[in-house]
Amino acid sequence: MNTLKLTAIGTSTGVVIPKEMLSRLNVAKGDTLYAVETPDGGYRLTPYDPGFAEKMDKAESIMRRYRNTLSVLAK
């Protein structure tokens, strides 16, 4: 288990993430992390936008439904 330390950054509060955690998340300085609330009331940090995943699921559904039409349009 890793411990994260809260630190003052101007008038805000920031979190220092150890290099090992950044490497496992495959992120670097300047990247965006998303805090997703879990059912048990905690949070999960992820580099993947859950909103984007929902939109892609919807797009894939539409593409499956209109597969023949999209195939004709692509010609």
PDB file of N, CA and C in Angstrom:
ATOM      1  N   MET A   1       0.851  -1.179   0.000  1.00  0.00           N
ATOM      2  CA  MET A   1       0.000   0.000   0.000  1.00  0.00           C
ATOM      3  C   MET A   1       0.894   1.238   0.000  1.00  0.00           C
ATOM      4  N   ASN A   2       0.544   2.204  -0.823  1.00  0.00           N
ATOM      5  CA  ASN A   2       1.277   3.469  -0.880  1.00  0.00           C
ATOM      6  C   ASN A   2       0.519   4.539  -0.106  1.00  0.00           C
ATOM      7  N   THR A   3       1.258   5.448   0.467  1.00  0.00           N
ATOM      8  CA  THR A   3       0.672   6.569   1.189  1.00  0.00           C
ATOM      9  C   THR A   3       0.909   7.829   0.382  1.00  0.00           C
ATOM     10  N   LEU A   4      -0.141   8.621   0.209  1.00  0.00           N
ATOM     11  CA  LEU A   4      -0.038   9.888  -0.511  1.00  0.00           C
ATOM     12  C   LEU A   4      -0.091  11.017   0.504  1.00  0.00           C
ATOM     13  N   LYS A   5       0.737  12.032   0.288  1.00  0.00           N
ATOM     14  CA  LYS A   5       0.793  13.151   1.216  1.00  0.00           C
ATOM     15  C   LYS A   5       0.144  14.376   0.576  1.00  0.00           C
ATOM     16  N   LEU A   6      -0.735  15.027   1.334  1.00  0.00           N
ATOM     17  CA  LEU A   6      -1.346  16.275   0.890  1.00  0.00           C
ATOM     18  C   LEU A   6      -0.379  17.411   1.178  1.00  0.00           C
ATOM     19  N   THR A   7      -0.291  18.347   0.252  1.00  0.00           N
ATOM     20  CA  THR A   7       0.621  19.470   0.419  1.00  0.00           C
ATOM     21  C   THR A   7      -0.042  20.744  -0.081  1.00  0.00           C
ATOM     22  N   ALA A   8       0.329  21.866   0.486  1.00  0.00           N
ATOM     23  CA  ALA A   8      -0.218  23.155   0.071  1.00  0.00           C
ATOM     24  C   ALA A   8       0.448  23.594  -1.232  1.00  0.00           C
ATOM     25  N   ILE A   9      -0.394  24.007  -2.172  1.00  0.00           N
ATOM     26  CA  ILE A   9       0.082  24.551  -3.453  1.00  0.00           C
ATOM     27  C   ILE A   9      -0.681  25.863  -3.646  1.00  0.00           C
ATOM     28  N   GLY A  10      -0.058  26.965  -3.285  1.00  0.00           N
ATOM     29  CA  GLY A  10      -0.745  28.253  -3.325  1.00  0.00           C
ATOM     30  C   GLY A  10      -1.891  28.224  -2.338  1.00  0.00           C
ATOM     31  N   THR A  11      -3.104  28.524  -2.815  1.00  0.00           N
ATOM     32  CA  THR A  11      -4.274  28.487  -1.942  1.00  0.00           C
ATOM     33  C   THR A  11      -5.035  27.175  -2.091  1.00  0.00           C
ATOM     34  N   SER A  12      -4.466  26.210  -2.816  1.00  0.00           N
ATOM     35  CA  SER A  12      -5.093  24.899  -3.026  1.00  0.00           C
ATOM     36  C   SER A  12      -4.322  23.828  -2.276  1.00  0.00           C
ATOM     37  N   THR A  13      -4.828  22.615  -2.357  1.00  0.00           N
ATOM     38  CA  THR A  13      -4.159  21.465  -1.766  1.00  0.00           C
ATOM     39  C   THR A  13      -3.894  20.456  -2.868  1.00  0.00           C
ATOM     40  N   GLY A  14      -2.675  19.932  -2.899  1.00  0.00           N
ATOM     41  CA  GLY A  14      -2.289  18.962  -3.918  1.00  0.00           C
ATOM     42  C   GLY A  14      -1.840  17.660  -3.291  1.00  0.00           C
ATOM     43  N   VAL A  15      -1.679  16.647  -4.146  1.00  0.00           N
ATOM     44  CA  VAL A  15      -1.232  15.333  -3.712  1.00  0.00           C
ATOM     45  C   VAL A  15       0.065  15.007  -4.444  1.00  0.00           C
ATOM     46  N   VAL A  16       1.046  14.521  -3.710  1.00  0.00           N
ATOM     47  CA  VAL A  16       2.298  14.094  -4.314  1.00  0.00           C
ATOM     48  C   VAL A  16       2.176  12.597  -4.587  1.00  0.00           C
ATOM     49  N   ILE A  17       2.309  12.216  -5.867  1.00  0.00           N
ATOM     50  CA  ILE A  17       2.197  10.819  -6.265  1.00  0.00           C
ATOM     51  C   ILE A  17       3.597  10.289  -6.537  1.00  0.00           C
ATOM     52  N   PRO A  18       3.977   9.198  -5.872  1.00  0.00           N
ATOM     53  CA  PRO A  18       5.316   8.647  -6.065  1.00  0.00           C
ATOM     54  C   PRO A  18       5.578   8.207  -7.509  1.00  0.00           C
ATOM     55  N   LYS A  19       6.841   8.256  -7.901  1.00  0.00           N
ATOM     56  CA  LYS A  19       7.263   7.917  -9.262  1.00  0.00           C
ATOM     57  C   LYS A  19       6.802   6.515  -9.659  1.00  0.00           C
ATOM     58  N   GLU A  20       6.857   5.561  -8.730  1.00  0.00           N
ATOM     59  CA  GLU A  20       6.457   4.186  -9.026  1.00  0.00           C
ATOM     60  C   GLU A  20       4.982   4.103  -9.401  1.00  0.00           C
ATOM     61  N   MET A  21       4.141   4.859  -8.700  1.00  0.00           N
ATOM     62  CA  MET A  21       2.707   4.863  -9.009  1.00  0.00           C
ATOM     63  C   MET A  21       2.452   5.500 -10.369  1.00  0.00           C
ATOM     64  N   LEU A  22       3.150   6.587 -10.663  1.00  0.00           N
ATOM     65  CA  LEU A  22       2.995   7.239 -11.963  1.00  0.00           C
ATOM     66  C   LEU A  22       3.383   6.284 -13.086  1.00  0.00           C
ATOM     67  N   SER A  23       4.429   5.531 -12.871  1.00  0.00           N
ATOM     68  CA  SER A  23       4.885   4.569 -13.871  1.00  0.00           C
ATOM     69  C   SER A  23       3.840   3.477 -14.093  1.00  0.00           C
ATOM     70  N   ARG A  24       3.266   2.959 -13.026  1.00  0.00           N
ATOM     71  CA  ARG A  24       2.241   1.903 -13.159  1.00  0.00           C
ATOM     72  C   ARG A  24       0.978   2.421 -13.810  1.00  0.00           C
ATOM     73  N   LEU A  25       0.646   3.688 -13.570  1.00  0.00           N
ATOM     74  CA  LEU A  25      -0.526   4.290 -14.213  1.00  0.00           C
ATOM     75  C   LEU A  25      -0.227   4.717 -15.648  1.00  0.00           C
ATOM     76  N   ASN A  26       1.050   4.690 -16.011  1.00  0.00           N
ATOM     77  CA  ASN A  26       1.506   5.113 -17.345  1.00  0.00           C
ATOM     78  C   ASN A  26       1.142   6.575 -17.614  1.00  0.00           C
ATOM     79  N   VAL A  27       1.398   7.437 -16.633  1.00  0.00           N
ATOM     80  CA  VAL A  27       1.149   8.869 -16.764  1.00  0.00           C
ATOM     81  C   VAL A  27       2.406   9.634 -16.379  1.00  0.00           C
ATOM     82  N   ALA A  28       2.438  10.889 -16.775  1.00  0.00           N
ATOM     83  CA  ALA A  28       3.578  11.749 -16.470  1.00  0.00           C
ATOM     84  C   ALA A  28       3.057  13.141 -16.127  1.00  0.00           C
ATOM     85  N   LYS A  29       3.970  14.001 -15.764  1.00  0.00           N
ATOM     86  CA  LYS A  29       3.633  15.383 -15.412  1.00  0.00           C
ATOM     87  C   LYS A  29       2.821  16.020 -16.541  1.00  0.00           C
ATOM     88  N   GLY A  30       1.703  16.633 -16.182  1.00  0.00           N
ATOM     89  CA  GLY A  30       0.853  17.299 -17.163  1.00  0.00           C
ATOM     90  C   GLY A  30      -0.309  16.450 -17.655  1.00  0.00           C
ATOM     91  N   ASP A  31      -0.264  15.123 -17.435  1.00  0.00           N
ATOM     92  CA  ASP A  31      -1.373  14.260 -17.826  1.00  0.00           C
ATOM     93  C   ASP A  31      -2.547  14.454 -16.876  1.00  0.00           C
ATOM     94  N   THR A  32      -3.708  13.961 -17.275  1.00  0.00           N
ATOM     95  CA  THR A  32      -4.912  14.082 -16.461  1.00  0.00           C
ATOM     96  C   THR A  32      -5.251  12.741 -15.833  1.00  0.00           C
ATOM     97  N   LEU A  33      -5.579  12.761 -14.551  1.00  0.00           N
ATOM     98  CA  LEU A  33      -6.097  11.585 -13.853  1.00  0.00           C
ATOM     99  C   LEU A  33      -7.541  11.861 -13.475  1.00  0.00           C
ATOM    100  N   TYR A  34      -8.358  10.829 -13.502  1.00  0.00           N
ATOM    101  CA  TYR A  34      -9.768  10.957 -13.145  1.00  0.00           C
ATOM    102  C   TYR A  34      -9.997  10.223 -11.836  1.00  0.00           C
ATOM    103  N   ALA A  35     -10.701  10.851 -10.914  1.00  0.00           N
ATOM    104  CA  ALA A  35     -11.066  10.241  -9.640  1.00  0.00           C
ATOM    105  C   ALA A  35     -12.492   9.733  -9.778  1.00  0.00           C
ATOM    106  N   VAL A  36     -12.645   8.409  -9.816  1.00  0.00           N
ATOM    107  CA  VAL A  36     -13.949   7.783  -9.991  1.00  0.00           C
ATOM    108  C   VAL A  36     -14.410   7.267  -8.640  1.00  0.00           C
ATOM    109  N   GLU A  37     -15.601   7.696  -8.229  1.00  0.00           N
ATOM    110  CA  GLU A  37     -16.126   7.260  -6.928  1.00  0.00           C
ATOM    111  C   GLU A  37     -16.522   5.790  -7.005  1.00  0.00           C
ATOM    112  N   THR A  38     -16.129   5.020  -5.994  1.00  0.00           N
ATOM    113  CA  THR A  38     -16.451   3.601  -5.938  1.00  0.00           C
ATOM    114  C   THR A  38     -17.686   3.380  -5.068  1.00  0.00           C
ATOM    115  N   PRO A  39     -18.357   2.242  -5.219  1.00  0.00           N
ATOM    116  CA  PRO A  39     -19.575   1.981  -4.435  1.00  0.00           C
ATOM    117  C   PRO A  39     -19.366   2.020  -2.921  1.00  0.00           C
ATOM    118  N   ASP A  40     -18.143   1.729  -2.470  1.00  0.00           N
ATOM    119  CA  ASP A  40     -17.894   1.729  -1.022  1.00  0.00           C
ATOM    120  C   ASP A  40     -17.573   3.119  -0.476  1.00  0.00           C
ATOM    121  N   GLY A  41     -17.689   4.159  -1.308  1.00  0.00           N
ATOM    122  CA  GLY A  41     -17.464   5.528  -0.857  1.00  0.00           C
ATOM    123  C   GLY A  41     -16.046   6.027  -1.052  1.00  0.00           C
ATOM    124  N   GLY A  42     -15.170   5.194  -1.579  1.00  0.00           N
ATOM    125  CA  GLY A  42     -13.796   5.601  -1.840  1.00  0.00           C
ATOM    126  C   GLY A  42     -13.652   6.154  -3.247  1.00  0.00           C
ATOM    127  N   TYR A  43     -12.411   6.324  -3.673  1.00  0.00           N
ATOM    128  CA  TYR A  43     -12.132   6.820  -5.022  1.00  0.00           C
ATOM    129  C   TYR A  43     -11.066   5.970  -5.673  1.00  0.00           C
ATOM    130  N   ARG A  44     -11.154   5.852  -6.984  1.00  0.00           N
ATOM    131  CA  ARG A  44     -10.160   5.127  -7.779  1.00  0.00           C
ATOM    132  C   ARG A  44      -9.575   6.118  -8.765  1.00  0.00           C
ATOM    133  N   LEU A  45      -8.240   6.212  -8.805  1.00  0.00           N
ATOM    134  CA  LEU A  45      -7.569   7.093  -9.765  1.00  0.00           C
ATOM    135  C   LEU A  45      -7.312   6.317 -11.046  1.00  0.00           C
ATOM    136  N   THR A  46      -7.659   6.912 -12.175  1.00  0.00           N
ATOM    137  CA  THR A  46      -7.455   6.263 -13.466  1.00  0.00           C
ATOM    138  C   THR A  46      -7.101   7.305 -14.514  1.00  0.00           C
ATOM    139  N   PRO A  47      -6.253   6.950 -15.465  1.00  0.00           N
ATOM    140  CA  PRO A  47      -5.938   7.885 -16.547  1.00  0.00           C
ATOM    141  C   PRO A  47      -6.994   7.867 -17.648  1.00  0.00           C
ATOM    142  N   TYR A  48      -7.994   6.989 -17.530  1.00  0.00           N
ATOM    143  CA  TYR A  48      -9.013   6.841 -18.571  1.00  0.00           C
ATOM    144  C   TYR A  48     -10.277   7.596 -18.191  1.00  0.00           C
ATOM    145  N   ASP A  49     -10.791   8.374 -19.124  1.00  0.00           N
ATOM    146  CA  ASP A  49     -11.991   9.171 -18.903  1.00  0.00           C
ATOM    147  C   ASP A  49     -13.221   8.268 -18.976  1.00  0.00           C
ATOM    148  N   PRO A  50     -13.931   8.060 -17.860  1.00  0.00           N
ATOM    149  CA  PRO A  50     -15.104   7.182 -17.887  1.00  0.00           C
ATOM    150  C   PRO A  50     -16.216   7.732 -18.784  1.00  0.00           C
ATOM    151  N   GLY A  51     -16.334   9.035 -18.889  1.00  0.00           N
ATOM    152  CA  GLY A  51     -17.338   9.632 -19.773  1.00  0.00           C
ATOM    153  C   GLY A  51     -17.067   9.305 -21.230  1.00  0.00           C
ATOM    154  N   PHE A  52     -15.792   9.301 -21.615  1.00  0.00           N
ATOM    155  CA  PHE A  52     -15.407   8.958 -22.978  1.00  0.00           C
ATOM    156  C   PHE A  52     -15.732   7.499 -23.267  1.00  0.00           C
ATOM    157  N   ALA A  53     -15.505   6.631 -22.302  1.00  0.00           N
ATOM    158  CA  ALA A  53     -15.798   5.206 -22.476  1.00  0.00           C
ATOM    159  C   ALA A  53     -17.292   4.995 -22.729  1.00  0.00           C
ATOM    160  N   GLU A  54     -18.138   5.711 -22.010  1.00  0.00           N
ATOM    161  CA  GLU A  54     -19.582   5.606 -22.221  1.00  0.00           C
ATOM    162  C   GLU A  54     -19.961   6.056 -23.623  1.00  0.00           C
ATOM    163  N   LYS A  55     -19.361   7.153 -24.081  1.00  0.00           N
ATOM    164  CA  LYS A  55     -19.656   7.658 -25.419  1.00  0.00           C
ATOM    165  C   LYS A  55     -19.205   6.672 -26.491  1.00  0.00           C
ATOM    166  N   MET A  56     -18.045   6.031 -26.278  1.00  0.00           N
ATOM    167  CA  MET A  56     -17.553   5.045 -27.243  1.00  0.00           C
ATOM    168  C   MET A  56     -18.461   3.822 -27.281  1.00  0.00           C
ATOM    169  N   ASP A  57     -18.985   3.403 -26.127  1.00  0.00           N
ATOM    170  CA  ASP A  57     -19.924   2.277 -26.100  1.00  0.00           C
ATOM    171  C   ASP A  57     -21.167   2.605 -26.919  1.00  0.00           C
ATOM    172  N   LYS A  58     -21.662   3.820 -26.784  1.00  0.00           N
ATOM    173  CA  LYS A  58     -22.846   4.253 -27.544  1.00  0.00           C
ATOM    174  C   LYS A  58     -22.522   4.293 -29.036  1.00  0.00           C
ATOM    175  N   ALA A  59     -21.349   4.827 -29.408  1.00  0.00           N
ATOM    176  CA  ALA A  59     -20.947   4.900 -30.809  1.00  0.00           C
ATOM    177  C   ALA A  59     -20.822   3.509 -31.416  1.00  0.00           C
ATOM    178  N   GLU A  60     -20.246   2.565 -30.676  1.00  0.00           N
ATOM    179  CA  GLU A  60     -20.114   1.196 -31.173  1.00  0.00           C
ATOM    180  C   GLU A  60     -21.482   0.551 -31.375  1.00  0.00           C
ATOM    181  N   SER A  61     -22.412   0.837 -30.495  1.00  0.00           N
ATOM    182  CA  SER A  61     -23.770   0.322 -30.635  1.00  0.00           C
ATOM    183  C   SER A  61     -24.416   0.849 -31.919  1.00  0.00           C
ATOM    184  N   ILE A  62     -24.238   2.142 -32.167  1.00  0.00           N
ATOM    185  CA  ILE A  62     -24.800   2.749 -33.381  1.00  0.00           C
ATOM    186  C   ILE A  62     -24.138   2.164 -34.626  1.00  0.00           C
ATOM    187  N   MET A  63     -22.818   1.976 -34.573  1.00  0.00           N
ATOM    188  CA  MET A  63     -22.112   1.422 -35.731  1.00  0.00           C
ATOM    189  C   MET A  63     -22.551  -0.015 -36.022  1.00  0.00           C
ATOM    190  N   ARG A  64     -22.818  -0.805 -34.975  1.00  0.00           N
ATOM    191  CA  ARG A  64     -23.309  -2.174 -35.195  1.00  0.00           C
ATOM    192  C   ARG A  64     -24.696  -2.151 -35.820  1.00  0.00           C
ATOM    193  N   ARG A  65     -25.552  -1.250 -35.325  1.00  0.00           N
ATOM    194  CA  ARG A  65     -26.923  -1.177 -35.818  1.00  0.00           C
ATOM    195  C   ARG A  65     -26.966  -0.740 -37.279  1.00  0.00           C
ATOM    196  N   TYR A  66     -26.112   0.189 -37.665  1.00  0.00           N
ATOM    197  CA  TYR A  66     -26.113   0.728 -39.025  1.00  0.00           C
ATOM    198  C   TYR A  66     -24.908   0.257 -39.836  1.00  0.00           C
ATOM    199  N   ARG A  67     -24.432  -0.966 -39.544  1.00  0.00           N
ATOM    200  CA  ARG A  67     -23.247  -1.508 -40.201  1.00  0.00           C
ATOM    201  C   ARG A  67     -23.386  -1.510 -41.722  1.00  0.00           C
ATOM    202  N   ASN A  68     -24.518  -1.970 -42.242  1.00  0.00           N
ATOM    203  CA  ASN A  68     -24.712  -2.038 -43.697  1.00  0.00           C
ATOM    204  C   ASN A  68     -24.732  -0.644 -44.317  1.00  0.00           C
ATOM    205  N   THR A  69     -25.418   0.270 -43.703  1.00  0.00           N
ATOM    206  CA  THR A  69     -25.489   1.636 -44.226  1.00  0.00           C
ATOM    207  C   THR A  69     -24.115   2.285 -44.238  1.00  0.00           C
ATOM    208  N   LEU A  70     -23.371   2.111 -43.156  1.00  0.00           N
ATOM    209  CA  LEU A  70     -22.032   2.702 -43.075  1.00  0.00           C
ATOM    210  C   LEU A  70     -21.093   2.064 -44.103  1.00  0.00           C
ATOM    211  N   SER A  71     -21.269   0.779 -44.359  1.00  0.00           N
ATOM    212  CA  SER A  71     -20.450   0.103 -45.368  1.00  0.00           C
ATOM    213  C   SER A  71     -20.689   0.681 -46.744  1.00  0.00           C
ATOM    214  N   VAL A  72     -21.952   0.932 -47.096  1.00  0.00           N
ATOM    215  CA  VAL A  72     -22.302   1.521 -48.397  1.00  0.00           C
ATOM    216  C   VAL A  72     -21.753   2.940 -48.498  1.00  0.00           C
ATOM    217  N   LEU A  73     -21.867   3.715 -47.420  1.00  0.00           N
ATOM    218  CA  LEU A  73     -21.366   5.087 -47.429  1.00  0.00           C
ATOM    219  C   LEU A  73     -19.850   5.157 -47.553  1.00  0.00           C
ATOM    220  N   ALA A  74     -19.149   4.131 -47.066  1.00  0.00           N
ATOM    221  CA  ALA A  74     -17.694   4.133 -47.097  1.00  0.00           C
ATOM    222  C   ALA A  74     -17.148   3.872 -48.499  1.00  0.00           C
ATOM    223  N   LYS A  75     -17.994   3.364 -49.413  1.00  0.00           N
ATOM    224  CA  LYS A  75     -17.532   3.057 -50.776  1.00  0.00           C
ATOM    225  C   LYS A  75     -17.390   4.297 -51.622  1.00  0.00           C
TER     226      LYS A  75
END
